[in-house]
N, C-alpha and C. Protein backbone atom coordinates (compact mmCIF):
# COMPACT_ATOMS: atom_id res chain seq x y z
N MET A 1 179.11 -58.20 -3.86
CA MET A 1 180.30 -58.34 -4.15
C MET A 1 180.64 -56.74 -4.91
N GLU A 2 179.90 -56.59 -5.72
CA GLU A 2 179.90 -55.36 -7.25
C GLU A 2 179.83 -53.90 -5.56
N ARG A 3 178.73 -54.16 -5.17
CA ARG A 3 178.74 -52.88 -4.67
C ARG A 3 180.06 -52.24 -3.47
N THR A 4 180.72 -53.91 -2.89
CA THR A 4 181.89 -53.70 -2.53
C THR A 4 183.15 -53.44 -2.85
N PHE A 5 183.29 -53.70 -4.51
CA PHE A 5 184.32 -53.58 -5.12
C PHE A 5 184.17 -51.64 -5.61
N ILE A 6 182.90 -51.20 -5.94
CA ILE A 6 182.46 -50.24 -6.03
C ILE A 6 183.10 -49.03 -5.10
N ALA A 7 182.65 -49.58 -3.86
CA ALA A 7 183.54 -48.61 -2.91
C ALA A 7 184.28 -48.68 -2.17
N PHE A 8 185.07 -49.90 -2.69
CA PHE A 8 186.41 -50.02 -2.52
C PHE A 8 187.14 -48.81 -3.54
N VAL A 9 186.99 -48.78 -4.91
CA VAL A 9 187.23 -48.10 -6.17
C VAL A 9 187.30 -46.35 -5.72
N LEU A 10 185.75 -46.17 -5.09
CA LEU A 10 185.50 -45.15 -4.57
C LEU A 10 186.50 -44.39 -3.67
N ALA A 11 187.08 -45.13 -2.55
CA ALA A 11 187.63 -44.88 -1.21
C ALA A 11 188.82 -45.22 -2.09
N PHE A 12 189.22 -45.55 -2.51
CA PHE A 12 191.03 -45.74 -3.30
C PHE A 12 190.55 -44.11 -4.63
N LEU A 13 190.23 -43.49 -5.09
CA LEU A 13 189.45 -42.47 -5.60
C LEU A 13 189.90 -41.20 -4.52
N LEU A 14 189.25 -41.35 -3.59
CA LEU A 14 188.99 -40.34 -2.54
C LEU A 14 190.10 -40.34 -1.90
N ALA A 15 191.06 -41.18 -1.60
CA ALA A 15 192.39 -41.45 -1.03
C ALA A 15 193.62 -40.62 -2.18
N GLY A 16 193.50 -41.03 -3.10
CA GLY A 16 194.27 -40.41 -4.10
C GLY A 16 194.25 -38.82 -4.08
N ALA A 17 193.23 -38.54 -4.30
CA ALA A 17 192.64 -36.98 -4.53
C ALA A 17 193.58 -36.21 -3.29
N ASN A 18 192.97 -37.09 -2.28
CA ASN A 18 193.67 -36.11 -0.63
C ASN A 18 195.28 -36.21 -0.70
N CYS A 19 195.27 -37.47 -1.49
CA CYS A 19 197.08 -37.55 -1.76
C CYS A 19 197.64 -36.11 -2.50
N LEU A 20 197.25 -35.83 -3.61
CA LEU A 20 197.36 -34.79 -4.38
C LEU A 20 196.98 -33.42 -3.99
N ALA A 21 196.01 -32.95 -3.11
CA ALA A 21 195.84 -31.95 -2.52
C ALA A 21 197.02 -32.21 -1.36
N ALA A 22 197.54 -32.41 -0.84
CA ALA A 22 198.53 -32.30 0.32
C ALA A 22 199.56 -32.17 -0.46
N GLU A 23 200.02 -32.69 -1.59
CA GLU A 23 200.78 -32.48 -2.16
C GLU A 23 201.07 -31.07 -3.02
N SER A 24 199.75 -30.36 -2.74
CA SER A 24 199.54 -28.64 -3.55
C SER A 24 200.85 -27.89 -2.39
N GLY A 25 201.18 -27.04 -3.48
CA GLY A 25 201.94 -25.87 -3.15
C GLY A 25 203.11 -25.37 -3.82
N THR A 26 204.15 -24.67 -3.22
CA THR A 26 205.27 -24.48 -3.82
C THR A 26 206.28 -25.44 -4.07
N VAL A 27 206.53 -26.16 -5.56
CA VAL A 27 207.57 -27.06 -5.45
C VAL A 27 209.02 -26.78 -5.32
N ASP A 28 209.80 -27.69 -4.91
CA ASP A 28 211.51 -27.67 -4.74
C ASP A 28 211.49 -27.40 -6.88
N PRO A 29 212.15 -26.73 -7.77
CA PRO A 29 212.24 -27.35 -9.11
C PRO A 29 213.53 -28.07 -9.27
N ILE A 30 214.82 -28.33 -8.25
CA ILE A 30 215.72 -29.31 -8.35
C ILE A 30 215.35 -30.84 -8.20
N ASN A 31 214.30 -31.05 -6.89
CA ASN A 31 213.97 -32.02 -6.48
C ASN A 31 212.77 -32.69 -6.59
N GLY A 32 212.24 -31.57 -6.53
CA GLY A 32 210.57 -32.24 -7.05
C GLY A 32 209.52 -32.05 -6.02
N LYS A 33 210.23 -32.21 -4.93
CA LYS A 33 209.73 -31.96 -3.91
C LYS A 33 208.50 -30.94 -3.05
N PRO A 34 207.02 -30.47 -3.03
CA PRO A 34 206.97 -29.98 -2.39
C PRO A 34 207.93 -29.07 -1.34
N CYS A 35 207.96 -27.67 -0.59
CA CYS A 35 208.51 -27.02 -0.01
C CYS A 35 208.56 -27.91 1.59
N TYR A 36 207.15 -27.26 1.59
CA TYR A 36 206.11 -27.75 3.07
C TYR A 36 207.11 -29.21 3.71
N LYS A 37 207.30 -30.29 2.75
CA LYS A 37 207.42 -31.51 2.94
C LYS A 37 208.98 -31.62 4.01
N CYS A 38 210.10 -30.53 3.58
CA CYS A 38 210.76 -30.19 4.16
C CYS A 38 210.60 -29.15 5.36
N HIS A 39 209.58 -28.18 5.18
CA HIS A 39 209.81 -26.86 5.97
C HIS A 39 208.11 -26.87 6.53
N ARG A 40 208.00 -28.49 7.47
CA ARG A 40 206.73 -28.34 8.01
C ARG A 40 206.01 -27.09 9.14
N SER A 41 207.83 -26.94 9.99
CA SER A 41 206.80 -26.22 10.83
C SER A 41 206.58 -24.63 10.77
N LYS A 42 207.04 -24.45 8.79
CA LYS A 42 206.38 -22.99 8.62
C LYS A 42 205.08 -22.53 7.94
N VAL A 43 204.50 -24.55 8.22
CA VAL A 43 202.92 -23.85 7.38
C VAL A 43 201.89 -25.00 8.59
N SER A 44 202.91 -24.74 10.10
CA SER A 44 201.99 -25.38 10.62
C SER A 44 201.52 -24.51 11.76
N GLY A 45 200.68 -24.35 13.19
CA GLY A 45 200.58 -23.52 14.10
C GLY A 45 199.27 -23.37 14.15
N PRO A 46 198.23 -22.05 14.73
CA PRO A 46 197.34 -22.08 15.27
C PRO A 46 197.18 -20.39 14.15
N ASN A 47 197.93 -19.82 13.76
CA ASN A 47 197.96 -19.32 12.91
C ASN A 47 198.98 -18.87 11.84
N ILE A 48 198.11 -19.11 10.99
CA ILE A 48 199.56 -18.74 9.99
C ILE A 48 198.99 -18.09 8.61
N HIS A 49 200.26 -17.37 8.37
CA HIS A 49 200.21 -15.99 7.47
C HIS A 49 199.63 -16.81 6.26
N PRO A 50 198.66 -16.11 5.85
CA PRO A 50 198.08 -15.73 4.61
C PRO A 50 198.27 -15.87 3.19
N ALA A 51 199.39 -15.30 3.50
CA ALA A 51 200.58 -15.70 1.79
C ALA A 51 200.94 -17.17 2.00
N LEU A 52 200.82 -17.70 2.84
CA LEU A 52 200.91 -19.38 2.74
C LEU A 52 199.90 -19.81 2.94
N ALA A 53 198.96 -19.59 2.38
CA ALA A 53 197.87 -20.19 1.60
C ALA A 53 198.09 -21.32 0.56
N ASP A 54 197.56 -22.75 0.78
CA ASP A 54 197.64 -23.83 -0.08
C ASP A 54 199.22 -24.31 -0.30
N ASN A 55 200.23 -23.94 1.40
CA ASN A 55 201.40 -23.82 0.96
C ASN A 55 202.39 -23.05 -0.34
N GLN A 56 201.69 -22.36 -0.49
CA GLN A 56 202.51 -21.69 -1.19
C GLN A 56 203.37 -20.14 -0.64
N CYS A 57 204.87 -20.19 -1.40
CA CYS A 57 206.01 -19.80 -0.75
C CYS A 57 206.51 -18.73 -1.42
N GLU A 58 205.68 -18.86 -3.03
CA GLU A 58 206.72 -17.80 -4.04
C GLU A 58 205.57 -16.03 -3.65
N PRO A 59 205.06 -15.82 -3.12
CA PRO A 59 204.63 -14.78 -2.87
C PRO A 59 206.04 -14.03 -2.30
N CYS A 60 206.98 -14.36 -1.24
CA CYS A 60 207.85 -14.47 -0.35
C CYS A 60 209.19 -14.72 -0.95
N HIS A 61 209.34 -15.68 -1.45
CA HIS A 61 210.83 -16.52 -1.79
C HIS A 61 210.81 -16.84 -3.00
N ALA A 62 212.29 -16.30 -3.56
CA ALA A 62 212.56 -17.09 -4.87
C ALA A 62 212.72 -18.11 -4.49
N THR A 63 212.33 -18.85 -5.72
CA THR A 63 212.65 -20.38 -6.05
C THR A 63 213.01 -21.09 -7.29
N THR A 64 214.35 -20.00 -8.00
CA THR A 64 214.71 -19.72 -8.78
C THR A 64 216.53 -19.91 -8.60
N GLY A 65 217.69 -20.34 -9.00
CA GLY A 65 218.91 -20.08 -9.09
C GLY A 65 219.59 -21.32 -9.05
N GLY A 66 219.15 -22.33 -8.84
CA GLY A 66 219.88 -23.23 -8.43
C GLY A 66 219.59 -24.33 -7.48
N ASP A 67 220.60 -25.18 -6.46
CA ASP A 67 220.26 -26.32 -5.45
C ASP A 67 220.58 -25.26 -4.07
N HIS A 68 219.13 -24.98 -3.30
CA HIS A 68 219.81 -24.53 -2.33
C HIS A 68 219.62 -25.14 -1.11
N LYS A 69 220.16 -26.74 -1.06
CA LYS A 69 220.04 -27.61 0.23
C LYS A 69 222.05 -27.36 -0.57
N MET A 70 222.58 -26.65 -1.45
CA MET A 70 223.89 -26.98 -1.49
C MET A 70 224.80 -25.22 -1.45
N LYS A 71 223.46 -24.23 -1.42
CA LYS A 71 224.02 -22.82 -1.40
C LYS A 71 222.29 -22.36 -0.58
N LEU A 72 222.46 -22.26 0.82
CA LEU A 72 220.92 -22.17 1.50
C LEU A 72 220.82 -20.52 1.27
N GLY A 73 221.68 -19.65 0.82
CA GLY A 73 220.98 -18.66 0.10
C GLY A 73 219.86 -18.12 -0.61
N LEU A 74 220.35 -19.16 -1.61
CA LEU A 74 219.03 -19.11 -3.06
C LEU A 74 217.91 -18.59 -2.60
N TYR A 75 217.45 -19.32 -1.75
CA TYR A 75 215.61 -18.99 -1.72
C TYR A 75 215.38 -18.14 -0.79
N ASN A 76 216.16 -17.17 0.01
CA ASN A 76 216.08 -16.52 0.80
C ASN A 76 214.77 -15.12 0.38
N VAL A 77 214.33 -14.85 1.10
CA VAL A 77 213.16 -13.94 1.03
C VAL A 77 213.83 -12.85 0.02
N LYS A 78 213.08 -12.56 -0.95
CA LYS A 78 213.07 -11.44 -2.16
C LYS A 78 213.19 -10.18 -1.29
N ASP A 79 212.80 -9.55 -0.44
CA ASP A 79 213.15 -8.16 0.12
C ASP A 79 212.98 -8.36 1.52
N ARG A 80 214.33 -8.02 2.81
CA ARG A 80 213.95 -8.44 4.14
C ARG A 80 213.29 -7.12 4.87
N SER A 81 212.90 -5.89 3.57
CA SER A 81 212.29 -4.66 4.07
C SER A 81 210.56 -4.49 4.29
N ALA A 82 210.35 -3.63 4.35
CA ALA A 82 208.71 -3.62 4.27
C ALA A 82 207.93 -3.47 2.94
N LYS A 83 209.21 -3.79 1.98
CA LYS A 83 208.72 -3.29 0.81
C LYS A 83 207.89 -4.39 0.29
N LEU A 84 208.60 -5.00 0.47
CA LEU A 84 207.56 -6.63 0.32
C LEU A 84 206.60 -7.30 0.76
N CYS A 85 206.10 -6.53 2.43
CA CYS A 85 204.58 -6.96 2.87
C CYS A 85 203.85 -6.40 2.18
N TRP A 86 204.52 -4.60 2.01
CA TRP A 86 203.45 -3.99 1.24
C TRP A 86 202.92 -4.41 -0.22
N GLU A 87 203.17 -5.40 -1.12
CA GLU A 87 202.83 -6.34 -2.10
C GLU A 87 201.42 -6.33 -1.83
N CYS A 88 201.64 -6.87 -0.97
CA CYS A 88 199.99 -7.22 0.01
C CYS A 88 199.53 -6.76 0.68
N HIS A 89 200.03 -5.78 1.23
CA HIS A 89 199.43 -5.14 2.45
C HIS A 89 199.28 -3.90 1.88
N ASP A 90 198.63 -2.43 3.14
CA ASP A 90 198.60 -1.19 2.21
C ASP A 90 200.20 -0.58 2.69
N SER A 91 200.47 0.06 1.76
CA SER A 91 201.78 1.10 2.51
C SER A 91 201.55 1.97 3.20
N LEU A 92 202.92 2.10 3.86
CA LEU A 92 202.62 3.91 4.73
C LEU A 92 203.13 4.66 4.47
N VAL A 93 204.10 4.65 3.12
CA VAL A 93 204.66 5.49 2.63
C VAL A 93 203.76 6.92 2.97
N GLY A 94 204.40 7.60 3.10
CA GLY A 94 203.71 9.01 3.05
C GLY A 94 202.84 9.61 4.08
N GLN A 95 202.50 8.62 5.14
CA GLN A 95 201.97 9.07 6.77
C GLN A 95 202.80 9.87 7.50
N LYS A 96 202.43 11.10 8.26
CA LYS A 96 203.29 11.47 8.72
C LYS A 96 204.17 11.19 9.75
N SER A 97 203.98 9.69 10.50
CA SER A 97 204.66 9.69 11.39
C SER A 97 204.51 7.93 11.01
N VAL A 98 205.68 6.86 11.11
CA VAL A 98 205.93 6.01 10.70
C VAL A 98 206.88 4.99 11.92
N HIS A 99 205.78 3.50 12.37
CA HIS A 99 206.58 3.20 13.85
C HIS A 99 207.72 3.22 13.08
N PRO A 100 209.18 3.61 13.71
CA PRO A 100 210.71 3.36 13.48
C PRO A 100 210.94 1.60 13.24
N ILE A 101 210.85 0.99 14.25
CA ILE A 101 210.97 -0.34 13.59
C ILE A 101 210.42 -1.39 12.73
N ILE A 102 209.56 -0.42 11.88
CA ILE A 102 209.26 -1.13 10.71
C ILE A 102 210.37 -0.52 9.22
N THR A 103 210.52 1.04 9.66
CA THR A 103 211.59 1.03 8.73
C THR A 103 212.79 1.36 8.70
N GLU A 104 213.17 0.18 9.75
CA GLU A 104 214.58 -0.02 10.37
C GLU A 104 214.68 -1.10 10.12
N GLU A 105 213.68 -2.01 10.60
CA GLU A 105 213.65 -3.73 10.48
C GLU A 105 213.12 -4.17 9.70
N GLY A 106 211.49 -3.63 9.20
CA GLY A 106 210.83 -4.00 8.58
C GLY A 106 209.72 -4.76 9.65
N CYS A 107 208.59 -5.56 8.92
CA CYS A 107 207.65 -5.80 9.58
C CYS A 107 207.89 -6.89 10.60
N LEU A 108 208.97 -7.72 10.47
CA LEU A 108 209.33 -8.65 11.36
C LEU A 108 209.91 -8.32 12.38
N GLY A 109 209.91 -7.08 13.13
CA GLY A 109 210.31 -7.30 14.63
C GLY A 109 209.44 -7.39 15.25
N CYS A 110 208.26 -6.96 14.64
CA CYS A 110 206.86 -7.32 15.76
C CYS A 110 206.25 -8.60 15.37
N HIS A 111 205.89 -9.08 13.69
CA HIS A 111 205.53 -9.85 13.26
C HIS A 111 206.57 -11.41 12.81
N ALA A 112 205.57 -12.01 13.26
CA ALA A 112 206.06 -13.47 13.18
C ALA A 112 205.78 -13.53 11.12
N PRO A 113 206.78 -14.15 10.47
CA PRO A 113 206.62 -14.02 8.95
C PRO A 113 206.10 -15.72 8.48
N HIS A 114 205.78 -16.46 8.89
CA HIS A 114 204.85 -17.28 8.41
C HIS A 114 203.89 -17.97 9.78
N SER A 115 204.14 -18.19 11.17
CA SER A 115 203.57 -18.85 11.72
C SER A 115 203.16 -18.14 13.34
N SER A 116 202.61 -18.58 14.05
CA SER A 116 202.22 -17.61 15.40
C SER A 116 201.77 -18.53 16.24
N THR A 117 201.60 -18.49 17.40
CA THR A 117 200.50 -19.11 18.75
C THR A 117 199.45 -17.63 18.64
N LEU A 118 199.80 -16.71 18.50
CA LEU A 118 199.26 -15.71 19.04
C LEU A 118 198.47 -15.10 17.25
N GLY A 119 197.75 -14.23 17.43
CA GLY A 119 196.65 -13.64 16.49
C GLY A 119 197.49 -12.64 15.67
N LYS A 120 197.18 -12.60 14.93
CA LYS A 120 197.64 -11.05 13.73
C LYS A 120 199.33 -11.24 13.67
N LEU A 121 200.26 -12.73 13.96
CA LEU A 121 201.29 -13.48 13.68
C LEU A 121 201.95 -12.51 14.90
N LEU A 122 201.39 -11.88 16.10
CA LEU A 122 202.44 -11.29 16.70
C LEU A 122 203.49 -12.18 17.35
N LYS A 123 204.76 -11.88 17.87
CA LYS A 123 205.59 -12.12 18.33
C LYS A 123 205.39 -12.19 19.63
N ALA A 124 204.74 -11.12 20.68
CA ALA A 124 204.30 -10.97 22.07
C ALA A 124 203.04 -10.30 21.73
N THR A 125 202.89 -10.54 22.82
CA THR A 125 201.42 -9.55 23.08
C THR A 125 201.51 -8.16 23.73
N PRO A 126 201.58 -6.96 23.05
CA PRO A 126 201.39 -5.50 23.74
C PRO A 126 201.08 -5.97 25.58
N PRO A 127 201.46 -4.82 26.13
CA PRO A 127 202.36 -4.26 26.36
C PRO A 127 204.11 -4.82 26.53
N VAL A 128 204.12 -6.19 26.56
CA VAL A 128 205.23 -7.14 26.52
C VAL A 128 206.06 -6.89 25.14
N LEU A 129 205.62 -6.96 23.83
CA LEU A 129 206.10 -6.58 22.45
C LEU A 129 206.50 -5.12 22.75
N CYS A 130 205.97 -4.12 23.16
CA CYS A 130 206.47 -2.56 23.20
C CYS A 130 208.11 -2.56 23.81
N PHE A 131 207.71 -2.93 24.92
CA PHE A 131 208.82 -2.99 26.12
C PHE A 131 210.21 -3.81 25.26
N ARG A 132 209.94 -4.62 24.39
CA ARG A 132 211.35 -5.15 23.80
C ARG A 132 212.09 -3.93 22.93
N CYS A 133 211.70 -3.09 23.07
CA CYS A 133 212.07 -1.50 21.91
C CYS A 133 212.26 -0.53 23.39
N HIS A 134 211.75 -0.46 24.00
CA HIS A 134 211.14 0.72 24.65
C HIS A 134 211.64 0.72 26.14
N GLU A 135 211.71 1.39 26.68
CA GLU A 135 213.02 1.01 28.08
C GLU A 135 211.55 1.29 29.24
N GLN A 136 211.27 0.23 30.12
CA GLN A 136 209.76 0.33 30.99
C GLN A 136 210.12 1.53 31.95
N SER A 137 211.34 2.08 31.71
CA SER A 137 211.12 3.74 32.75
C SER A 137 210.29 4.77 32.14
N LEU A 138 209.89 4.08 31.05
CA LEU A 138 208.85 5.03 30.17
C LEU A 138 207.31 5.41 30.74
N VAL A 139 207.31 4.05 31.44
CA VAL A 139 205.83 4.40 32.52
C VAL A 139 205.89 4.24 33.70
N ASP A 140 207.34 3.89 34.15
CA ASP A 140 207.30 3.27 35.49
C ASP A 140 208.04 4.71 36.74
N GLU A 141 208.61 5.98 35.95
CA GLU A 141 209.20 7.00 36.13
C GLU A 141 208.29 8.21 36.51
N LYS A 142 207.99 8.10 37.53
CA LYS A 142 207.16 9.61 37.94
C LYS A 142 207.34 11.11 37.29
N GLU A 143 208.93 11.15 37.99
CA GLU A 143 209.71 12.42 37.47
C GLU A 143 210.89 11.86 36.37
N THR A 144 210.92 12.96 35.51
CA THR A 144 212.08 12.42 35.04
C THR A 144 212.79 13.17 34.16
N GLN A 145 213.51 13.39 33.11
CA GLN A 145 214.14 14.71 32.50
C GLN A 145 214.22 14.23 30.77
N LYS A 146 214.67 12.76 31.07
CA LYS A 146 215.18 12.06 30.27
C LYS A 146 214.34 10.40 29.40
N ALA A 147 213.34 10.22 30.39
CA ALA A 147 213.30 8.65 29.95
C ALA A 147 211.81 9.32 28.95
N THR A 148 211.06 10.47 28.64
CA THR A 148 210.24 10.41 27.94
C THR A 148 210.07 11.84 27.71
N ASN A 149 210.00 12.42 26.79
CA ASN A 149 209.55 13.90 25.99
C ASN A 149 208.18 14.03 26.64
N PHE A 150 207.53 13.16 26.56
CA PHE A 150 205.99 13.42 26.88
C PHE A 150 205.75 13.79 28.53
N ARG A 151 206.37 15.07 28.70
CA ARG A 151 206.29 15.70 30.61
C ARG A 151 206.04 16.49 30.59
N ASP A 152 205.00 16.93 31.60
CA ASP A 152 204.97 18.38 32.23
C ASP A 152 205.70 19.08 33.14
N GLY A 153 206.34 19.78 32.84
CA GLY A 153 207.87 20.03 33.76
C GLY A 153 208.47 18.95 33.83
N THR A 154 208.41 18.32 34.90
CA THR A 154 209.15 16.65 34.87
C THR A 154 208.62 15.83 35.25
N GLN A 155 207.25 15.78 35.10
CA GLN A 155 206.35 15.11 35.56
C GLN A 155 206.14 14.14 34.34
N SER A 156 206.35 12.95 33.93
CA SER A 156 206.23 12.10 33.32
C SER A 156 204.61 11.78 32.91
N LEU A 157 204.13 11.94 31.31
CA LEU A 157 202.97 11.85 31.32
C LEU A 157 202.25 10.36 30.97
N HIS A 158 203.58 10.18 30.51
CA HIS A 158 203.35 8.89 30.14
C HIS A 158 202.87 7.91 31.39
N PHE A 159 203.62 7.75 32.94
CA PHE A 159 203.52 7.78 33.96
C PHE A 159 202.12 7.65 34.23
N VAL A 160 201.43 9.24 34.09
CA VAL A 160 200.16 9.40 34.51
C VAL A 160 199.48 8.45 34.01
N HIS A 161 199.44 8.53 32.54
CA HIS A 161 198.87 7.68 31.29
C HIS A 161 198.81 6.39 31.84
N ALA A 162 200.16 5.99 31.28
CA ALA A 162 199.80 4.19 31.10
C ALA A 162 200.61 3.70 32.42
N GLY A 163 201.19 3.96 33.24
CA GLY A 163 201.88 3.78 34.49
C GLY A 163 200.63 3.77 35.57
N LYS A 164 200.11 5.05 36.17
CA LYS A 164 199.13 4.86 37.26
C LYS A 164 197.70 4.87 36.72
N ASN A 165 197.35 5.13 35.18
CA ASN A 165 196.05 4.74 35.45
C ASN A 165 195.84 3.15 34.29
N GLY A 166 197.03 3.02 33.98
CA GLY A 166 196.98 1.69 33.45
C GLY A 166 196.44 1.31 31.86
N ILE A 167 196.28 2.85 30.91
CA ILE A 167 195.77 2.51 30.28
C ILE A 167 196.96 2.21 28.65
N PRO A 168 196.32 1.50 28.02
CA PRO A 168 197.17 0.40 27.01
C PRO A 168 197.97 1.46 26.05
N CYS A 169 199.08 1.15 25.72
CA CYS A 169 199.65 1.80 24.68
C CYS A 169 198.96 2.21 23.42
N LEU A 170 197.84 1.16 22.99
CA LEU A 170 197.52 1.30 21.54
C LEU A 170 196.07 1.91 21.90
N THR A 171 196.23 2.35 23.22
CA THR A 171 194.79 3.38 22.79
C THR A 171 195.26 4.76 22.50
N CYS A 172 195.87 5.11 22.36
CA CYS A 172 196.44 6.27 22.14
C CYS A 172 197.16 6.31 20.80
N HIS A 173 198.64 5.31 20.98
CA HIS A 173 199.50 5.08 20.00
C HIS A 173 198.32 4.51 18.83
N ASP A 174 198.74 4.25 17.48
CA ASP A 174 198.67 2.96 16.35
C ASP A 174 199.77 2.76 16.63
N GLN A 175 200.10 1.14 15.77
CA GLN A 175 201.28 0.17 16.43
C GLN A 175 201.85 0.38 15.22
N HIS A 176 201.74 0.95 13.82
CA HIS A 176 202.40 1.24 12.38
C HIS A 176 202.33 2.45 12.18
N ALA A 177 201.25 3.56 12.04
CA ALA A 177 201.31 4.79 11.37
C ALA A 177 200.43 5.69 11.54
N SER A 178 200.21 7.28 12.03
CA SER A 178 199.26 7.95 11.75
C SER A 178 199.55 9.08 10.97
N SER A 179 198.53 9.59 11.31
CA SER A 179 198.73 10.76 10.17
C SER A 179 199.05 12.09 11.19
N GLN A 180 199.08 11.61 12.19
CA GLN A 180 199.73 12.81 13.40
C GLN A 180 201.13 12.71 13.84
N LEU A 181 201.42 13.25 14.37
CA LEU A 181 203.18 12.83 14.97
C LEU A 181 203.11 11.86 16.26
N HIS A 182 204.08 11.23 16.47
CA HIS A 182 204.40 10.54 17.69
C HIS A 182 203.33 9.00 17.45
N LEU A 183 203.03 8.92 16.44
CA LEU A 183 201.90 7.54 16.09
C LEU A 183 200.68 7.82 16.50
N LEU A 184 200.32 9.10 17.39
CA LEU A 184 198.65 9.02 17.61
C LEU A 184 197.83 9.18 17.43
N ARG A 185 197.06 8.26 17.48
CA ARG A 185 195.73 7.91 16.77
C ARG A 185 194.90 9.20 16.90
N THR A 186 194.15 9.65 15.53
CA THR A 186 192.84 9.97 15.38
C THR A 186 192.11 9.34 16.06
N LYS A 187 191.90 8.23 16.27
CA LYS A 187 190.23 7.35 16.91
C LYS A 187 191.10 6.41 17.16
N GLY A 188 190.92 6.01 18.61
CA GLY A 188 191.72 4.76 19.27
C GLY A 188 190.70 3.99 20.15
N THR A 189 190.86 3.08 21.25
CA THR A 189 189.72 2.83 21.83
C THR A 189 190.33 2.76 23.29
N ASN A 190 189.48 2.76 24.22
CA ASN A 190 189.65 2.67 25.80
C ASN A 190 188.46 1.86 26.01
N GLY A 191 189.34 0.59 26.18
CA GLY A 191 187.83 -0.46 26.94
C GLY A 191 186.99 -0.74 25.44
N LYS A 192 185.84 0.19 25.95
CA LYS A 192 184.76 -0.03 25.45
C LYS A 192 184.30 1.18 24.51
N GLU A 193 185.09 2.37 25.12
CA GLU A 193 184.15 3.72 24.61
C GLU A 193 185.52 4.18 23.77
N ALA A 194 185.67 4.73 22.12
CA ALA A 194 186.12 5.55 21.66
C ALA A 194 186.81 6.37 21.61
N VAL A 195 188.20 6.83 21.61
CA VAL A 195 188.44 8.17 22.26
C VAL A 195 189.55 8.44 20.67
N THR A 196 189.02 10.12 20.84
CA THR A 196 189.36 10.70 19.33
C THR A 196 190.65 12.10 20.33
N ILE A 197 191.80 12.07 19.45
CA ILE A 197 192.82 12.63 20.03
C ILE A 197 193.34 13.31 18.15
N THR A 198 193.24 14.65 18.99
CA THR A 198 193.96 15.60 17.92
C THR A 198 194.88 16.46 19.47
N TYR A 199 196.08 16.57 18.07
CA TYR A 199 197.67 16.95 18.79
C TYR A 199 198.06 18.10 17.71
N THR A 200 198.64 18.99 18.91
CA THR A 200 199.16 19.78 18.07
C THR A 200 200.78 19.94 18.77
N ALA A 201 202.30 20.16 18.14
CA ALA A 201 203.23 20.63 19.22
C ALA A 201 203.31 21.38 19.57
N THR A 202 204.71 21.72 20.02
CA THR A 202 204.68 23.10 20.66
C THR A 202 206.54 22.63 20.44
N ASP A 203 207.21 24.14 20.81
CA ASP A 203 208.70 24.15 20.59
C ASP A 203 209.30 23.20 22.03
N LYS A 204 208.33 23.21 23.02
CA LYS A 204 209.06 22.29 24.06
C LYS A 204 207.76 20.89 24.78
N GLY A 205 206.88 21.14 23.68
CA GLY A 205 205.77 20.33 24.50
C GLY A 205 204.74 20.14 22.99
N GLY A 206 203.41 20.16 23.84
CA GLY A 206 202.05 20.00 22.96
C GLY A 206 200.57 20.25 23.42
N ASN A 207 200.21 20.05 22.94
CA ASN A 207 198.65 20.51 23.17
C ASN A 207 197.80 19.11 22.58
N CYS A 208 197.08 18.37 23.41
CA CYS A 208 195.96 17.46 23.23
C CYS A 208 194.57 17.79 23.30
N THR A 209 194.32 17.96 22.11
CA THR A 209 192.87 17.64 22.76
C THR A 209 191.52 16.57 22.30
N VAL A 210 191.49 15.92 23.29
CA VAL A 210 190.74 14.34 23.29
C VAL A 210 189.32 13.97 24.08
N SER A 211 188.86 13.39 23.49
CA SER A 211 187.65 12.89 23.72
C SER A 211 187.50 12.16 25.31
N CYS A 212 188.59 11.94 25.54
CA CYS A 212 188.48 11.55 27.29
C CYS A 212 188.49 12.48 28.61
N HIS A 213 189.02 14.05 27.97
CA HIS A 213 189.48 14.51 28.94
C HIS A 213 189.27 16.04 28.34
N ASP A 214 189.20 17.17 28.85
CA ASP A 214 189.12 18.31 28.72
C ASP A 214 191.01 18.60 27.83
N PRO A 215 190.93 19.85 27.02
CA PRO A 215 191.95 20.13 25.84
C PRO A 215 193.16 20.49 27.47
N LEU A 216 193.95 19.77 26.70
CA LEU A 216 195.64 20.29 28.35
C LEU A 216 196.55 20.67 27.27
N GLY A 217 197.63 21.29 27.90
CA GLY A 217 198.65 21.33 27.38
C GLY A 217 200.13 20.96 28.41
N TYR A 218 201.02 20.65 27.29
CA TYR A 218 202.48 20.52 28.70
C TYR A 218 203.44 21.39 28.10
N GLU A 219 204.43 21.77 28.90
CA GLU A 219 205.68 22.07 28.49
C GLU A 219 207.42 21.12 29.31
N ARG A 220 207.78 20.85 28.34
CA ARG A 220 208.96 20.40 29.19
C ARG A 220 209.85 21.40 29.81
N LYS A 221 210.41 20.72 31.07
CA LYS A 221 211.85 21.69 31.50
C LYS A 221 213.03 21.36 31.13
């Protein structure tokens, strides 16, 4: 009988501890409830933003100012630009080229802020994600005078690389920023082989020295 009672007490205490753990995280100062109680979708999913660890919302959201149920804008994000992301992630300021969507829209152009079914909180996988902003003609048109500036004469070199040979965008371009123009990687990947790119711009084109083919130049018409 005594053993049964002790086992019951231990089970009760353990259940209480689990309940307390479940209540962890940012608490609404007005109603005293953890934020995730009303916003469960923000903290559920296969991939959760590490900033939301333990249901903490303060890294990105203000939690003071009044009752946000009465005034919905009160607890919005502190800053909608990439500056907020750079409080935890490395800043891209100072790089020679930065992905325009980051400077114009912030990181949320490509990444979900809370959770995603995809790795790295992506909203879609490349190249589908890339073509939400870039025209498909960039890689589909063999000859062009406007779809891309990466062309030799009128031959689209994006078509040669990505369209004809199926080389993924991120083999040559960094998705965030680069010390070279046009987000060109100093190192990339092509399957299992490392690719090194050195690019020099000219008035009407450029020169590429890469590890996957001989040095080549191009000049637009």
